[in-house]
Amino acid sequence: DVARWAAAATQGHVGRARRLAGDPQ
């Protein structure tokens, strides 16, 4: 569920999605 949210929020940008999903800051 977190992966789907991060992928949508970053519009398919893999690096940003990984950062958003794993970094609280």
mmCIF file of all heavy atoms, coordinates in Angstrom:
data_MODEL
# 
_entry.id   MODEL 
# 
loop_
_atom_site.group_PDB 
_atom_site.id 
_atom_site.type_symbol 
_atom_site.label_atom_id 
_atom_site.label_alt_id 
_atom_site.label_comp_id 
_atom_site.label_asym_id 
_atom_site.label_entity_id 
_atom_site.label_seq_id 
_atom_site.pdbx_PDB_ins_code 
_atom_site.Cartn_x 
_atom_site.Cartn_y 
_atom_site.Cartn_z 
_atom_site.occupancy 
_atom_site.B_iso_or_equiv 
_atom_site.pdbx_formal_charge 
_atom_site.auth_seq_id 
_atom_site.auth_comp_id 
_atom_site.auth_asym_id 
_atom_site.auth_atom_id 
_atom_site.pdbx_PDB_model_num 
ATOM 1   N N   . ASP A 1 1  ? 0.825  -1.205 0.000   1.00 0.00 ? 1  ASP A N   1 
ATOM 2   C CA  . ASP A 1 1  ? 0.000  0.000  0.000   1.00 0.00 ? 1  ASP A CA  1 
ATOM 3   C C   . ASP A 1 1  ? 0.864  1.262  0.000   1.00 0.00 ? 1  ASP A C   1 
ATOM 4   O O   . ASP A 1 1  ? 0.548  2.248  -0.687  1.00 0.00 ? 1  ASP A O   1 
ATOM 5   C CB  . ASP A 1 1  ? -0.949 0.003  1.195   1.00 0.00 ? 1  ASP A CB  1 
ATOM 6   C CG  . ASP A 1 1  ? -0.219 -0.125 2.527   1.00 0.00 ? 1  ASP A CG  1 
ATOM 7   O OD1 . ASP A 1 1  ? 0.913  -0.660 2.537   1.00 0.00 ? 1  ASP A OD1 1 
ATOM 8   O OD2 . ASP A 1 1  ? -0.772 0.301  3.564   1.00 0.00 ? 1  ASP A OD2 1 
ATOM 9   N N   . VAL A 1 2  ? 1.970  1.241  0.751   1.00 0.00 ? 2  VAL A N   1 
ATOM 10  C CA  . VAL A 1 2  ? 2.885  2.390  0.764   1.00 0.00 ? 2  VAL A CA  1 
ATOM 11  C C   . VAL A 1 2  ? 3.553  2.536  -0.600  1.00 0.00 ? 2  VAL A C   1 
ATOM 12  O O   . VAL A 1 2  ? 3.721  3.660  -1.105  1.00 0.00 ? 2  VAL A O   1 
ATOM 13  C CB  . VAL A 1 2  ? 3.945  2.222  1.873   1.00 0.00 ? 2  VAL A CB  1 
ATOM 14  C CG1 . VAL A 1 2  ? 4.964  3.352  1.816   1.00 0.00 ? 2  VAL A CG1 1 
ATOM 15  C CG2 . VAL A 1 2  ? 3.277  2.169  3.236   1.00 0.00 ? 2  VAL A CG2 1 
ATOM 16  N N   . ALA A 1 3  ? 3.917  1.427  -1.218  1.00 0.00 ? 3  ALA A N   1 
ATOM 17  C CA  . ALA A 1 3  ? 4.574  1.469  -2.532  1.00 0.00 ? 3  ALA A CA  1 
ATOM 18  C C   . ALA A 1 3  ? 3.638  2.056  -3.584  1.00 0.00 ? 3  ALA A C   1 
ATOM 19  O O   . ALA A 1 3  ? 4.062  2.877  -4.416  1.00 0.00 ? 3  ALA A O   1 
ATOM 20  C CB  . ALA A 1 3  ? 5.018  0.065  -2.946  1.00 0.00 ? 3  ALA A CB  1 
ATOM 21  N N   . ARG A 1 4  ? 2.370  1.653  -3.554  1.00 0.00 ? 4  ARG A N   1 
ATOM 22  C CA  . ARG A 1 4  ? 1.410  2.196  -4.528  1.00 0.00 ? 4  ARG A CA  1 
ATOM 23  C C   . ARG A 1 4  ? 1.210  3.693  -4.322  1.00 0.00 ? 4  ARG A C   1 
ATOM 24  O O   . ARG A 1 4  ? 1.153  4.465  -5.290  1.00 0.00 ? 4  ARG A O   1 
ATOM 25  C CB  . ARG A 1 4  ? 0.079  1.454  -4.411  1.00 0.00 ? 4  ARG A CB  1 
ATOM 26  C CG  . ARG A 1 4  ? 0.107  0.038  -4.952  1.00 0.00 ? 4  ARG A CG  1 
ATOM 27  C CD  . ARG A 1 4  ? -1.300 -0.521 -5.069  1.00 0.00 ? 4  ARG A CD  1 
ATOM 28  N NE  . ARG A 1 4  ? -1.932 -0.663 -3.750  1.00 0.00 ? 4  ARG A NE  1 
ATOM 29  C CZ  . ARG A 1 4  ? -1.858 -1.744 -3.004  1.00 0.00 ? 4  ARG A CZ  1 
ATOM 30  N NH1 . ARG A 1 4  ? -1.154 -2.798 -3.421  1.00 0.00 ? 4  ARG A NH1 1 
ATOM 31  N NH2 . ARG A 1 4  ? -2.474 -1.808 -1.834  1.00 0.00 ? 4  ARG A NH2 1 
ATOM 32  N N   . TRP A 1 5  ? 1.111  4.118  -3.067  1.00 0.00 ? 5  TRP A N   1 
ATOM 33  C CA  . TRP A 1 5  ? 0.942  5.549  -2.787  1.00 0.00 ? 5  TRP A CA  1 
ATOM 34  C C   . TRP A 1 5  ? 2.155  6.347  -3.245  1.00 0.00 ? 5  TRP A C   1 
ATOM 35  O O   . TRP A 1 5  ? 2.023  7.384  -3.902  1.00 0.00 ? 5  TRP A O   1 
ATOM 36  C CB  . TRP A 1 5  ? 0.719  5.746  -1.289  1.00 0.00 ? 5  TRP A CB  1 
ATOM 37  C CG  . TRP A 1 5  ? 0.870  7.176  -0.865  1.00 0.00 ? 5  TRP A CG  1 
ATOM 38  C CD1 . TRP A 1 5  ? -0.017 8.192  -1.060  1.00 0.00 ? 5  TRP A CD1 1 
ATOM 39  C CD2 . TRP A 1 5  ? 2.009  7.759  -0.207  1.00 0.00 ? 5  TRP A CD2 1 
ATOM 40  N NE1 . TRP A 1 5  ? 0.484  9.365  -0.544  1.00 0.00 ? 5  TRP A NE1 1 
ATOM 41  C CE2 . TRP A 1 5  ? 1.722  9.124  -0.017  1.00 0.00 ? 5  TRP A CE2 1 
ATOM 42  C CE3 . TRP A 1 5  ? 3.211  7.246  0.256   1.00 0.00 ? 5  TRP A CE3 1 
ATOM 43  C CZ2 . TRP A 1 5  ? 2.615  9.998  0.601   1.00 0.00 ? 5  TRP A CZ2 1 
ATOM 44  C CZ3 . TRP A 1 5  ? 4.106  8.102  0.878   1.00 0.00 ? 5  TRP A CZ3 1 
ATOM 45  C CH2 . TRP A 1 5  ? 3.810  9.452  1.046   1.00 0.00 ? 5  TRP A CH2 1 
ATOM 46  N N   . ALA A 1 6  ? 3.357  5.880  -2.916  1.00 0.00 ? 6  ALA A N   1 
ATOM 47  C CA  . ALA A 1 6  ? 4.571  6.610  -3.286  1.00 0.00 ? 6  ALA A CA  1 
ATOM 48  C C   . ALA A 1 6  ? 4.748  6.654  -4.795  1.00 0.00 ? 6  ALA A C   1 
ATOM 49  O O   . ALA A 1 6  ? 5.148  7.683  -5.354  1.00 0.00 ? 6  ALA A O   1 
ATOM 50  C CB  . ALA A 1 6  ? 5.790  5.954  -2.631  1.00 0.00 ? 6  ALA A CB  1 
ATOM 51  N N   . ALA A 1 7  ? 4.454  5.553  -5.478  1.00 0.00 ? 7  ALA A N   1 
ATOM 52  C CA  . ALA A 1 7  ? 4.605  5.522  -6.934  1.00 0.00 ? 7  ALA A CA  1 
ATOM 53  C C   . ALA A 1 7  ? 3.650  6.497  -7.600  1.00 0.00 ? 7  ALA A C   1 
ATOM 54  O O   . ALA A 1 7  ? 4.016  7.199  -8.558  1.00 0.00 ? 7  ALA A O   1 
ATOM 55  C CB  . ALA A 1 7  ? 4.362  4.106  -7.456  1.00 0.00 ? 7  ALA A CB  1 
ATOM 56  N N   . ALA A 1 8  ? 2.413  6.591  -7.100  1.00 0.00 ? 8  ALA A N   1 
ATOM 57  C CA  . ALA A 1 8  ? 1.445  7.531  -7.672  1.00 0.00 ? 8  ALA A CA  1 
ATOM 58  C C   . ALA A 1 8  ? 1.838  8.968  -7.356  1.00 0.00 ? 8  ALA A C   1 
ATOM 59  O O   . ALA A 1 8  ? 1.766  9.852  -8.220  1.00 0.00 ? 8  ALA A O   1 
ATOM 60  C CB  . ALA A 1 8  ? 0.049  7.233  -7.139  1.00 0.00 ? 8  ALA A CB  1 
ATOM 61  N N   . ALA A 1 9  ? 2.286  9.216  -6.116  1.00 0.00 ? 9  ALA A N   1 
ATOM 62  C CA  . ALA A 1 9  ? 2.615  10.586 -5.697  1.00 0.00 ? 9  ALA A CA  1 
ATOM 63  C C   . ALA A 1 9  ? 3.816  11.142 -6.440  1.00 0.00 ? 9  ALA A C   1 
ATOM 64  O O   . ALA A 1 9  ? 3.941  12.362 -6.601  1.00 0.00 ? 9  ALA A O   1 
ATOM 65  C CB  . ALA A 1 9  ? 2.871  10.624 -4.191  1.00 0.00 ? 9  ALA A CB  1 
ATOM 66  N N   . THR A 1 10 ? 4.714  10.284 -6.890  1.00 0.00 ? 10 THR A N   1 
ATOM 67  C CA  . THR A 1 10 ? 5.909  10.731 -7.611  1.00 0.00 ? 10 THR A CA  1 
ATOM 68  C C   . THR A 1 10 ? 5.757  10.567 -9.121  1.00 0.00 ? 10 THR A C   1 
ATOM 69  O O   . THR A 1 10 ? 6.723  10.757 -9.855  1.00 0.00 ? 10 THR A O   1 
ATOM 70  C CB  . THR A 1 10 ? 7.145  9.955  -7.136  1.00 0.00 ? 10 THR A CB  1 
ATOM 71  O OG1 . THR A 1 10 ? 6.920  8.543  -7.295  1.00 0.00 ? 10 THR A OG1 1 
ATOM 72  C CG2 . THR A 1 10 ? 7.445  10.258 -5.678  1.00 0.00 ? 10 THR A CG2 1 
ATOM 73  N N   . GLN A 1 11 ? 4.571  10.194 -9.569  1.00 0.00 ? 11 GLN A N   1 
ATOM 74  C CA  . GLN A 1 11 ? 4.260  10.092 -11.001 1.00 0.00 ? 11 GLN A CA  1 
ATOM 75  C C   . GLN A 1 11 ? 5.207  9.146  -11.737 1.00 0.00 ? 11 GLN A C   1 
ATOM 76  O O   . GLN A 1 11 ? 5.678  9.433  -12.831 1.00 0.00 ? 11 GLN A O   1 
ATOM 77  C CB  . GLN A 1 11 ? 4.270  11.480 -11.636 1.00 0.00 ? 11 GLN A CB  1 
ATOM 78  C CG  . GLN A 1 11 ? 3.320  12.452 -10.953 1.00 0.00 ? 11 GLN A CG  1 
ATOM 79  C CD  . GLN A 1 11 ? 3.407  13.855 -11.493 1.00 0.00 ? 11 GLN A CD  1 
ATOM 80  O OE1 . GLN A 1 11 ? 3.009  14.112 -12.630 1.00 0.00 ? 11 GLN A OE1 1 
ATOM 81  N NE2 . GLN A 1 11 ? 3.916  14.785 -10.692 1.00 0.00 ? 11 GLN A NE2 1 
ATOM 82  N N   . GLY A 1 12 ? 5.486  8.012  -11.114 1.00 0.00 ? 12 GLY A N   1 
ATOM 83  C CA  . GLY A 1 12 ? 6.289  6.998  -11.768 1.00 0.00 ? 12 GLY A CA  1 
ATOM 84  C C   . GLY A 1 12 ? 7.782  7.229  -11.740 1.00 0.00 ? 12 GLY A C   1 
ATOM 85  O O   . GLY A 1 12 ? 8.518  6.581  -12.483 1.00 0.00 ? 12 GLY A O   1 
ATOM 86  N N   . HIS A 1 13 ? 8.261  8.122  -10.891 1.00 0.00 ? 13 HIS A N   1 
ATOM 87  C CA  . HIS A 1 13 ? 9.705  8.378  -10.778 1.00 0.00 ? 13 HIS A CA  1 
ATOM 88  C C   . HIS A 1 13 ? 10.256 7.394  -9.746  1.00 0.00 ? 13 HIS A C   1 
ATOM 89  O O   . HIS A 1 13 ? 9.984  7.511  -8.549  1.00 0.00 ? 13 HIS A O   1 
ATOM 90  C CB  . HIS A 1 13 ? 9.932  9.817  -10.328 1.00 0.00 ? 13 HIS A CB  1 
ATOM 91  C CG  . HIS A 1 13 ? 11.358 10.273 -10.451 1.00 0.00 ? 13 HIS A CG  1 
ATOM 92  N ND1 . HIS A 1 13 ? 12.387 9.655  -9.783  1.00 0.00 ? 13 HIS A ND1 1 
ATOM 93  C CD2 . HIS A 1 13 ? 11.932 11.273 -11.169 1.00 0.00 ? 13 HIS A CD2 1 
ATOM 94  C CE1 . HIS A 1 13 ? 13.531 10.260 -10.068 1.00 0.00 ? 13 HIS A CE1 1 
ATOM 95  N NE2 . HIS A 1 13 ? 13.269 11.245 -10.910 1.00 0.00 ? 13 HIS A NE2 1 
ATOM 96  N N   . VAL A 1 14 ? 11.064 6.438  -10.199 1.00 0.00 ? 14 VAL A N   1 
ATOM 97  C CA  . VAL A 1 14 ? 11.490 5.344  -9.330  1.00 0.00 ? 14 VAL A CA  1 
ATOM 98  C C   . VAL A 1 14 ? 12.303 5.853  -8.147  1.00 0.00 ? 14 VAL A C   1 
ATOM 99  O O   . VAL A 1 14 ? 12.052 5.483  -6.987  1.00 0.00 ? 14 VAL A O   1 
ATOM 100 C CB  . VAL A 1 14 ? 12.311 4.317  -10.133 1.00 0.00 ? 14 VAL A CB  1 
ATOM 101 C CG1 . VAL A 1 14 ? 12.731 3.158  -9.229  1.00 0.00 ? 14 VAL A CG1 1 
ATOM 102 C CG2 . VAL A 1 14 ? 11.511 3.781  -11.308 1.00 0.00 ? 14 VAL A CG2 1 
ATOM 103 N N   . GLY A 1 15 ? 13.289 6.695  -8.395  1.00 0.00 ? 15 GLY A N   1 
ATOM 104 C CA  . GLY A 1 15 ? 14.144 7.179  -7.321  1.00 0.00 ? 15 GLY A CA  1 
ATOM 105 C C   . GLY A 1 15 ? 13.385 7.989  -6.290  1.00 0.00 ? 15 GLY A C   1 
ATOM 106 O O   . GLY A 1 15 ? 13.559 7.802  -5.075  1.00 0.00 ? 15 GLY A O   1 
ATOM 107 N N   . ARG A 1 16 ? 12.522 8.876  -6.745  1.00 0.00 ? 16 ARG A N   1 
ATOM 108 C CA  . ARG A 1 16 ? 11.753 9.689  -5.809  1.00 0.00 ? 16 ARG A CA  1 
ATOM 109 C C   . ARG A 1 16 ? 10.750 8.838  -5.038  1.00 0.00 ? 16 ARG A C   1 
ATOM 110 O O   . ARG A 1 16 ? 10.482 9.088  -3.857  1.00 0.00 ? 16 ARG A O   1 
ATOM 111 C CB  . ARG A 1 16 ? 11.033 10.812 -6.549  1.00 0.00 ? 16 ARG A CB  1 
ATOM 112 C CG  . ARG A 1 16 ? 11.980 11.871 -7.103  1.00 0.00 ? 16 ARG A CG  1 
ATOM 113 C CD  . ARG A 1 16 ? 11.220 12.999 -7.794  1.00 0.00 ? 16 ARG A CD  1 
ATOM 114 N NE  . ARG A 1 16 ? 12.137 14.000 -8.319  1.00 0.00 ? 16 ARG A NE  1 
ATOM 115 C CZ  . ARG A 1 16 ? 11.755 15.072 -8.996  1.00 0.00 ? 16 ARG A CZ  1 
ATOM 116 N NH1 . ARG A 1 16 ? 10.460 15.277 -9.219  1.00 0.00 ? 16 ARG A NH1 1 
ATOM 117 N NH2 . ARG A 1 16 ? 12.641 15.940 -9.450  1.00 0.00 ? 16 ARG A NH2 1 
ATOM 118 N N   . ALA A 1 17 ? 10.185 7.839  -5.701  1.00 0.00 ? 17 ALA A N   1 
ATOM 119 C CA  . ALA A 1 17 ? 9.228  6.957  -5.019  1.00 0.00 ? 17 ALA A CA  1 
ATOM 120 C C   . ALA A 1 17 ? 9.915  6.188  -3.902  1.00 0.00 ? 17 ALA A C   1 
ATOM 121 O O   . ALA A 1 17 ? 9.364  6.036  -2.803  1.00 0.00 ? 17 ALA A O   1 
ATOM 122 C CB  . ALA A 1 17 ? 8.599  5.992  -6.022  1.00 0.00 ? 17 ALA A CB  1 
ATOM 123 N N   . ARG A 1 18 ? 11.130 5.702  -4.157  1.00 0.00 ? 18 ARG A N   1 
ATOM 124 C CA  . ARG A 1 18 ? 11.863 4.984  -3.113  1.00 0.00 ? 18 ARG A CA  1 
ATOM 125 C C   . ARG A 1 18 ? 12.180 5.902  -1.943  1.00 0.00 ? 18 ARG A C   1 
ATOM 126 O O   . ARG A 1 18 ? 12.045 5.518  -0.781  1.00 0.00 ? 18 ARG A O   1 
ATOM 127 C CB  . ARG A 1 18 ? 13.162 4.412  -3.695  1.00 0.00 ? 18 ARG A CB  1 
ATOM 128 C CG  . ARG A 1 18 ? 13.926 3.540  -2.702  1.00 0.00 ? 18 ARG A CG  1 
ATOM 129 C CD  . ARG A 1 18 ? 15.295 3.143  -3.226  1.00 0.00 ? 18 ARG A CD  1 
ATOM 130 N NE  . ARG A 1 18 ? 15.183 2.439  -4.487  1.00 0.00 ? 18 ARG A NE  1 
ATOM 131 C CZ  . ARG A 1 18 ? 15.677 2.893  -5.649  1.00 0.00 ? 18 ARG A CZ  1 
ATOM 132 N NH1 . ARG A 1 18 ? 16.317 4.060  -5.683  1.00 0.00 ? 18 ARG A NH1 1 
ATOM 133 N NH2 . ARG A 1 18 ? 15.559 2.191  -6.747  1.00 0.00 ? 18 ARG A NH2 1 
ATOM 134 N N   . ARG A 1 19 ? 12.580 7.136  -2.253  1.00 0.00 ? 19 ARG A N   1 
ATOM 135 C CA  . ARG A 1 19 ? 12.899 8.087  -1.181  1.00 0.00 ? 19 ARG A CA  1 
ATOM 136 C C   . ARG A 1 19 ? 11.650 8.433  -0.372  1.00 0.00 ? 19 ARG A C   1 
ATOM 137 O O   . ARG A 1 19 ? 11.692 8.480  0.861   1.00 0.00 ? 19 ARG A O   1 
ATOM 138 C CB  . ARG A 1 19 ? 13.504 9.359  -1.777  1.00 0.00 ? 19 ARG A CB  1 
ATOM 139 C CG  . ARG A 1 19 ? 13.949 10.374 -0.728  1.00 0.00 ? 19 ARG A CG  1 
ATOM 140 C CD  . ARG A 1 19 ? 14.423 11.669 -1.357  1.00 0.00 ? 19 ARG A CD  1 
ATOM 141 N NE  . ARG A 1 19 ? 15.588 11.474 -2.209  1.00 0.00 ? 19 ARG A NE  1 
ATOM 142 C CZ  . ARG A 1 19 ? 15.583 11.568 -3.528  1.00 0.00 ? 19 ARG A CZ  1 
ATOM 143 N NH1 . ARG A 1 19 ? 14.454 11.843 -4.173  1.00 0.00 ? 19 ARG A NH1 1 
ATOM 144 N NH2 . ARG A 1 19 ? 16.676 11.383 -4.223  1.00 0.00 ? 19 ARG A NH2 1 
ATOM 145 N N   . LEU A 1 20 ? 10.545 8.665  -1.053  1.00 0.00 ? 20 LEU A N   1 
ATOM 146 C CA  . LEU A 1 20 ? 9.322  9.056  -0.361  1.00 0.00 ? 20 LEU A CA  1 
ATOM 147 C C   . LEU A 1 20 ? 8.798  7.917  0.509   1.00 0.00 ? 20 LEU A C   1 
ATOM 148 O O   . LEU A 1 20 ? 8.313  8.143  1.625   1.00 0.00 ? 20 LEU A O   1 
ATOM 149 C CB  . LEU A 1 20 ? 8.256  9.468  -1.382  1.00 0.00 ? 20 LEU A CB  1 
ATOM 150 C CG  . LEU A 1 20 ? 6.971  10.084 -0.837  1.00 0.00 ? 20 LEU A CG  1 
ATOM 151 C CD1 . LEU A 1 20 ? 7.269  11.363 -0.088  1.00 0.00 ? 20 LEU A CD1 1 
ATOM 152 C CD2 . LEU A 1 20 ? 5.993  10.349 -1.983  1.00 0.00 ? 20 LEU A CD2 1 
ATOM 153 N N   . ALA A 1 21 ? 8.916  6.688  0.021   1.00 0.00 ? 21 ALA A N   1 
ATOM 154 C CA  . ALA A 1 21 ? 8.402  5.546  0.768   1.00 0.00 ? 21 ALA A CA  1 
ATOM 155 C C   . ALA A 1 21 ? 9.253  5.218  1.993   1.00 0.00 ? 21 ALA A C   1 
ATOM 156 O O   . ALA A 1 21 ? 8.726  4.733  3.006   1.00 0.00 ? 21 ALA A O   1 
ATOM 157 C CB  . ALA A 1 21 ? 8.320  4.323  -0.142  1.00 0.00 ? 21 ALA A CB  1 
ATOM 158 N N   . GLY A 1 22 ? 10.543 5.499  1.920   1.00 0.00 ? 22 GLY A N   1 
ATOM 159 C CA  . GLY A 1 22 ? 11.424 5.068  2.994   1.00 0.00 ? 22 GLY A CA  1 
ATOM 160 C C   . GLY A 1 22 ? 11.980 6.155  3.886   1.00 0.00 ? 22 GLY A C   1 
ATOM 161 O O   . GLY A 1 22 ? 12.646 5.846  4.882   1.00 0.00 ? 22 GLY A O   1 
ATOM 162 N N   . ASP A 1 23 ? 11.734 7.424  3.565   1.00 0.00 ? 23 ASP A N   1 
ATOM 163 C CA  . ASP A 1 23 ? 12.341 8.525  4.317   1.00 0.00 ? 23 ASP A CA  1 
ATOM 164 C C   . ASP A 1 23 ? 11.254 9.406  4.945   1.00 0.00 ? 23 ASP A C   1 
ATOM 165 O O   . ASP A 1 23 ? 10.567 10.151 4.236   1.00 0.00 ? 23 ASP A O   1 
ATOM 166 C CB  . ASP A 1 23 ? 13.223 9.357  3.386   1.00 0.00 ? 23 ASP A CB  1 
ATOM 167 C CG  . ASP A 1 23 ? 13.979 10.458 4.125   1.00 0.00 ? 23 ASP A CG  1 
ATOM 168 O OD1 . ASP A 1 23 ? 13.791 10.596 5.349   1.00 0.00 ? 23 ASP A OD1 1 
ATOM 169 O OD2 . ASP A 1 23 ? 14.762 11.184 3.472   1.00 0.00 ? 23 ASP A OD2 1 
ATOM 170 N N   . PRO A 1 24 ? 11.085 9.341  6.254   1.00 0.00 ? 24 PRO A N   1 
ATOM 171 C CA  . PRO A 1 24 ? 10.054 10.180 6.911   1.00 0.00 ? 24 PRO A CA  1 
ATOM 172 C C   . PRO A 1 24 ? 10.276 11.670 6.676   1.00 0.00 ? 24 PRO A C   1 
ATOM 173 O O   . PRO A 1 24 ? 9.300  12.432 6.560   1.00 0.00 ? 24 PRO A O   1 
ATOM 174 C CB  . PRO A 1 24 ? 10.207 9.830  8.396   1.00 0.00 ? 24 PRO A CB  1 
ATOM 175 C CG  . PRO A 1 24 ? 10.846 8.470  8.407   1.00 0.00 ? 24 PRO A CG  1 
ATOM 176 C CD  . PRO A 1 24 ? 11.753 8.450  7.209   1.00 0.00 ? 24 PRO A CD  1 
ATOM 177 N N   . GLN A 1 25 ? 11.535 12.105 6.593   1.00 0.00 ? 25 GLN A N   1 
ATOM 178 C CA  . GLN A 1 25 ? 11.803 13.523 6.355   1.00 0.00 ? 25 GLN A CA  1 
ATOM 179 C C   . GLN A 1 25 ? 11.322 13.943 4.968   1.00 0.00 ? 25 GLN A C   1 
ATOM 180 O O   . GLN A 1 25 ? 10.819 15.058 4.789   1.00 0.00 ? 25 GLN A O   1 
ATOM 181 C CB  . GLN A 1 25 ? 13.283 13.812 6.517   1.00 0.00 ? 25 GLN A CB  1 
ATOM 182 C CG  . GLN A 1 25 ? 13.786 13.690 7.946   1.00 0.00 ? 25 GLN A CG  1 
ATOM 183 C CD  . GLN A 1 25 ? 15.235 14.098 8.087   1.00 0.00 ? 25 GLN A CD  1 
ATOM 184 O OE1 . GLN A 1 25 ? 15.943 14.269 7.101   1.00 0.00 ? 25 GLN A OE1 1 
ATOM 185 N NE2 . GLN A 1 25 ? 15.687 14.259 9.328   1.00 0.00 ? 25 GLN A NE2 1 
# 
